[in-house]
Amino acid sequence: MNFSILVFPGSNCDWDAHHAVTKVLGENARFVWHKETKLPKTDCVIVPGGFSYGDYLRTGAVARFSPIMGEVVKFARGGGRVLGICNGFQILTEAGLLPGVLMRNANLKFLCETVGIQVANHTTAFTKRYGPREGIRLPIAHGEGNYFADHETLKRLEGDGRVVFRYAPVNPNGSQKNIAGIVNEQGNVLGMMPHPERCAEKALGNEDGKKLFESLIV
């Protein structure tokens, strides 16, 4: 399987994602610089975590206008799979591929810890290796992970089963409905604040994130 991993000025999880895909799972991955105007032949695009463009204006707001993002939008709307992690989730909301916004954490502090996560929907292309309502632990590292959407959007997300991950038992950042990750209407675009690429092998003491990547290649 071929993965494309975007790289923006300020990305800092691109190599983590590359390692998880190539060294842990043995798949192919290629870095794609933000100024590129074409995607290589790919099965999945990963928009990694970090601080794209220094998080100026607001998280993801500048990266959304990078030349490569126009191609990512086309790829996603054509059914291609896109995984946005942390800053990648923020970029995907700014690009209009996912609804809602990510605001400052409720306690106004940067959070860097491992938290409990519940797999709210195990039937997506990104989660089919997990069990129903499976409880896992994933690392977070963000200052703006507080998910917000209007009432009607939240109702649709809940009703359509598009909430994929929830914080459980504790909500660390104030996200509405304990939301930690969602998919688009077609189910081919996932945005999540926790970092599965940082816990995908035994050497890191936690493999709970590995199943997400395995789900994509099954």
Protein backbone atom coordinates (compact mmCIF):
# COMPACT_ATOMS: atom_id res chain seq x y z
CA MET A 1 0.00 0.00 0.00
CA ASN A 2 1.26 3.47 -0.85
CA PHE A 3 1.06 6.33 1.65
CA SER A 4 1.78 10.01 1.06
CA ILE A 5 2.84 11.98 4.13
CA LEU A 6 2.56 15.75 3.87
CA VAL A 7 5.33 17.98 5.20
CA PHE A 8 4.72 21.61 6.14
CA PRO A 9 7.11 24.08 7.74
CA GLY A 10 6.66 23.17 11.40
CA SER A 11 5.57 19.55 10.92
CA ASN A 12 7.14 17.38 13.63
CA CYS A 13 5.28 14.06 13.41
CA ASP A 14 5.92 13.33 9.75
CA TRP A 15 8.83 11.02 10.50
CA ASP A 16 6.86 9.27 13.24
CA ALA A 17 4.11 8.49 10.73
CA HIS A 18 6.69 7.40 8.14
CA HIS A 19 8.30 5.04 10.66
CA ALA A 20 4.96 3.49 11.64
CA VAL A 21 4.01 2.87 8.02
CA THR A 22 7.36 1.66 6.67
CA LYS A 23 9.28 0.11 9.57
CA VAL A 24 6.43 -1.27 11.64
CA LEU A 25 4.00 -2.31 8.91
CA GLY A 26 6.38 -2.71 5.96
CA GLU A 27 4.32 -0.54 3.59
CA ASN A 28 5.49 2.20 1.21
CA ALA A 29 5.49 5.88 2.14
CA ARG A 30 6.65 9.05 0.46
CA PHE A 31 7.01 12.54 1.88
CA VAL A 32 5.19 15.27 -0.06
CA TRP A 33 6.38 18.87 0.45
CA HIS A 34 3.68 21.48 1.00
CA LYS A 35 4.62 23.38 -2.18
CA GLU A 36 4.00 20.39 -4.45
CA THR A 37 1.01 20.69 -6.76
CA LYS A 38 0.51 16.99 -7.46
CA LEU A 39 0.15 13.94 -5.28
CA PRO A 40 2.13 10.83 -6.25
CA LYS A 41 0.22 7.61 -6.85
CA THR A 42 -1.17 6.94 -3.41
CA ASP A 43 -3.77 4.97 -1.48
CA CYS A 44 -3.82 7.13 1.63
CA VAL A 45 -2.68 10.64 2.52
CA ILE A 46 -1.48 11.35 6.05
CA VAL A 47 -1.64 14.95 7.27
CA PRO A 48 0.67 14.74 10.29
CA GLY A 49 0.89 16.55 13.60
CA GLY A 50 3.08 19.48 14.48
CA PHE A 51 2.83 23.24 14.25
CA SER A 52 2.35 23.96 10.54
CA TYR A 53 3.49 27.49 9.73
CA GLY A 54 4.01 28.07 13.44
CA ASP A 55 0.25 27.95 14.05
CA TYR A 56 0.06 31.59 13.00
CA LEU A 57 -3.42 33.12 12.78
CA ARG A 58 -4.84 29.88 14.20
CA THR A 59 -3.97 26.21 13.95
CA GLY A 60 -4.16 24.93 10.39
CA ALA A 61 -5.36 28.24 8.95
CA VAL A 62 -2.27 28.89 6.80
CA ALA A 63 -1.55 25.27 5.89
CA ARG A 64 -5.04 25.03 4.45
CA PHE A 65 -3.87 27.29 1.59
CA SER A 66 -0.72 25.30 0.76
CA PRO A 67 -0.58 24.26 -2.93
CA ILE A 68 -0.70 20.55 -2.04
CA MET A 69 -3.94 20.93 -0.08
CA GLY A 70 -5.92 21.59 -3.24
CA GLU A 71 -4.87 18.15 -4.44
CA VAL A 72 -5.66 16.59 -1.07
CA VAL A 73 -9.18 18.02 -1.22
CA LYS A 74 -9.66 16.61 -4.72
CA PHE A 75 -8.26 13.25 -3.63
CA ALA A 76 -10.60 13.09 -0.62
CA ARG A 77 -13.68 14.16 -2.57
CA GLY A 78 -12.86 11.46 -5.10
CA GLY A 79 -13.00 8.83 -2.38
CA GLY A 80 -9.31 8.68 -1.42
CA ARG A 81 -8.50 7.99 2.20
CA VAL A 82 -7.08 10.84 4.27
CA LEU A 83 -5.87 10.60 7.87
CA GLY A 84 -5.33 13.85 9.77
CA ILE A 85 -3.56 13.54 13.12
CA CYS A 86 -3.55 16.38 15.68
CA ASN A 87 -2.47 19.42 13.63
CA GLY A 88 -3.60 17.39 10.63
CA PHE A 89 -7.12 17.24 12.11
CA GLN A 90 -7.03 21.01 12.54
CA ILE A 91 -5.93 21.45 8.92
CA LEU A 92 -8.72 19.20 7.64
CA THR A 93 -11.38 21.26 9.44
CA GLU A 94 -9.89 24.47 8.02
CA ALA A 95 -9.93 22.91 4.54
CA GLY A 96 -13.62 22.04 4.87
CA LEU A 97 -13.08 18.28 4.69
CA LEU A 98 -14.39 17.84 8.23
CA PRO A 99 -16.96 19.91 10.15
CA GLY A 100 -16.36 21.88 13.33
CA VAL A 101 -13.30 23.60 14.77
CA LEU A 102 -10.56 22.83 17.28
CA MET A 103 -10.32 25.52 19.96
CA ARG A 104 -8.00 26.18 22.88
CA ASN A 105 -8.09 23.50 25.54
CA ALA A 106 -10.59 24.29 28.27
CA ASN A 107 -7.82 24.73 30.85
CA LEU A 108 -5.84 26.93 28.41
CA LYS A 109 -2.79 24.69 28.87
CA PHE A 110 -0.79 22.58 26.44
CA LEU A 111 -1.45 18.91 27.20
CA CYS A 112 1.14 16.19 26.67
CA GLU A 113 0.10 12.88 28.19
CA THR A 114 -1.36 9.45 27.44
CA VAL A 115 -5.13 9.31 27.80
CA GLY A 116 -7.94 6.78 27.68
CA ILE A 117 -9.82 6.54 24.39
CA GLN A 118 -12.95 4.60 23.47
CA VAL A 119 -13.40 3.35 19.90
CA ALA A 120 -16.91 4.70 19.29
CA ASN A 121 -17.23 3.26 15.78
CA HIS A 122 -15.21 0.16 14.92
CA THR A 123 -16.71 -0.28 11.43
CA THR A 124 -14.81 2.46 9.57
CA ALA A 125 -11.92 1.87 7.19
CA PHE A 126 -9.65 3.25 9.92
CA THR A 127 -10.92 1.19 12.87
CA LYS A 128 -12.05 -2.23 11.64
CA ARG A 129 -9.20 -3.96 13.50
CA TYR A 130 -10.58 -2.68 16.81
CA GLY A 131 -13.41 -4.28 18.75
CA PRO A 132 -16.78 -2.66 19.56
CA ARG A 133 -16.33 0.06 22.20
CA GLU A 134 -12.76 -1.08 22.70
CA GLY A 135 -10.84 0.92 25.27
CA ILE A 136 -7.33 1.96 24.27
CA ARG A 137 -4.67 4.42 25.39
CA LEU A 138 -3.13 6.96 23.02
CA PRO A 139 -0.80 9.94 23.52
CA ILE A 140 -2.00 13.51 23.03
CA ALA A 141 0.13 16.64 22.59
CA HIS A 142 -1.90 19.75 21.83
CA GLY A 143 -2.94 23.17 22.99
CA GLU A 144 -5.99 23.41 20.74
CA GLY A 145 -7.76 20.07 20.84
CA ASN A 146 -11.11 21.24 22.19
CA TYR A 147 -13.57 20.13 19.49
CA PHE A 148 -16.57 22.40 18.92
CA ALA A 149 -19.47 22.27 16.48
CA ASP A 150 -23.00 23.65 16.47
CA HIS A 151 -25.90 21.60 17.81
CA GLU A 152 -27.15 20.41 14.41
CA THR A 153 -23.67 19.29 13.35
CA LEU A 154 -23.17 17.36 16.56
CA LYS A 155 -26.58 15.74 16.12
CA ARG A 156 -25.65 14.60 12.60
CA LEU A 157 -22.24 13.31 13.71
CA GLU A 158 -23.84 11.28 16.48
CA GLY A 159 -26.76 10.03 14.40
CA ASP A 160 -24.60 8.98 11.46
CA GLY A 161 -22.01 7.19 13.59
CA ARG A 162 -19.30 9.60 12.50
CA VAL A 163 -17.82 10.02 15.97
CA VAL A 164 -15.02 7.47 15.79
CA PHE A 165 -13.03 8.12 18.97
CA ARG A 166 -14.05 9.56 22.35
CA TYR A 167 -12.03 10.49 25.40
CA ALA A 168 -12.91 8.04 28.18
CA PRO A 169 -13.15 8.00 31.09
CA VAL A 170 -11.72 11.53 31.35
CA ASN A 171 -12.11 14.38 28.86
CA PRO A 172 -8.75 16.21 29.01
CA ASN A 173 -9.50 19.26 26.85
CA GLY A 174 -13.22 20.06 27.04
CA SER A 175 -14.22 18.67 23.64
CA GLN A 176 -17.97 18.49 23.09
CA LYS A 177 -19.39 14.99 23.48
CA ASN A 178 -15.86 13.88 24.49
CA ILE A 179 -14.98 13.81 20.78
CA ALA A 180 -11.42 12.79 19.96
CA GLY A 181 -11.90 11.86 16.29
CA ILE A 182 -14.51 12.03 13.52
CA VAL A 183 -14.99 10.98 9.90
CA ASN A 184 -16.62 12.77 6.99
CA GLU A 185 -19.96 11.71 5.48
CA GLN A 186 -18.34 9.27 3.07
CA GLY A 187 -16.19 7.74 5.81
CA ASN A 188 -12.92 8.14 3.89
CA VAL A 189 -11.50 11.11 5.84
CA LEU A 190 -10.59 10.76 9.52
CA GLY A 191 -9.42 13.53 11.81
CA MET A 192 -8.21 12.71 15.31
CA MET A 193 -6.31 14.56 18.01
CA PRO A 194 -4.53 11.56 19.65
CA HIS A 195 -1.35 10.19 18.04
CA PRO A 196 -1.60 6.53 16.92
CA GLU A 197 1.80 6.76 15.21
CA ARG A 198 3.46 7.33 18.58
CA CYS A 199 2.25 4.03 20.03
CA ALA A 200 2.47 1.50 17.22
CA GLU A 201 5.23 -0.84 18.41
CA LYS A 202 6.38 -2.73 21.48
CA ALA A 203 9.56 -0.68 21.79
CA LEU A 204 7.39 2.30 22.75
CA GLY A 205 5.56 0.32 25.42
CA ASN A 206 2.18 0.59 23.72
CA GLU A 207 0.83 -0.81 20.45
CA ASP A 208 -2.74 0.51 20.66
CA GLY A 209 -2.21 2.77 17.66
CA LYS A 210 -0.98 -0.02 15.41
CA LYS A 211 -4.46 -1.36 14.74
CA LEU A 212 -5.46 1.90 13.08
CA PHE A 213 -2.74 1.56 10.46
CA GLU A 214 -3.43 -2.16 10.10
CA SER A 215 -7.09 -1.36 9.45
CA LEU A 216 -6.08 0.70 6.42
CA ILE A 217 -4.12 -2.10 4.80
CA VAL A 218 -6.42 -5.05 5.54
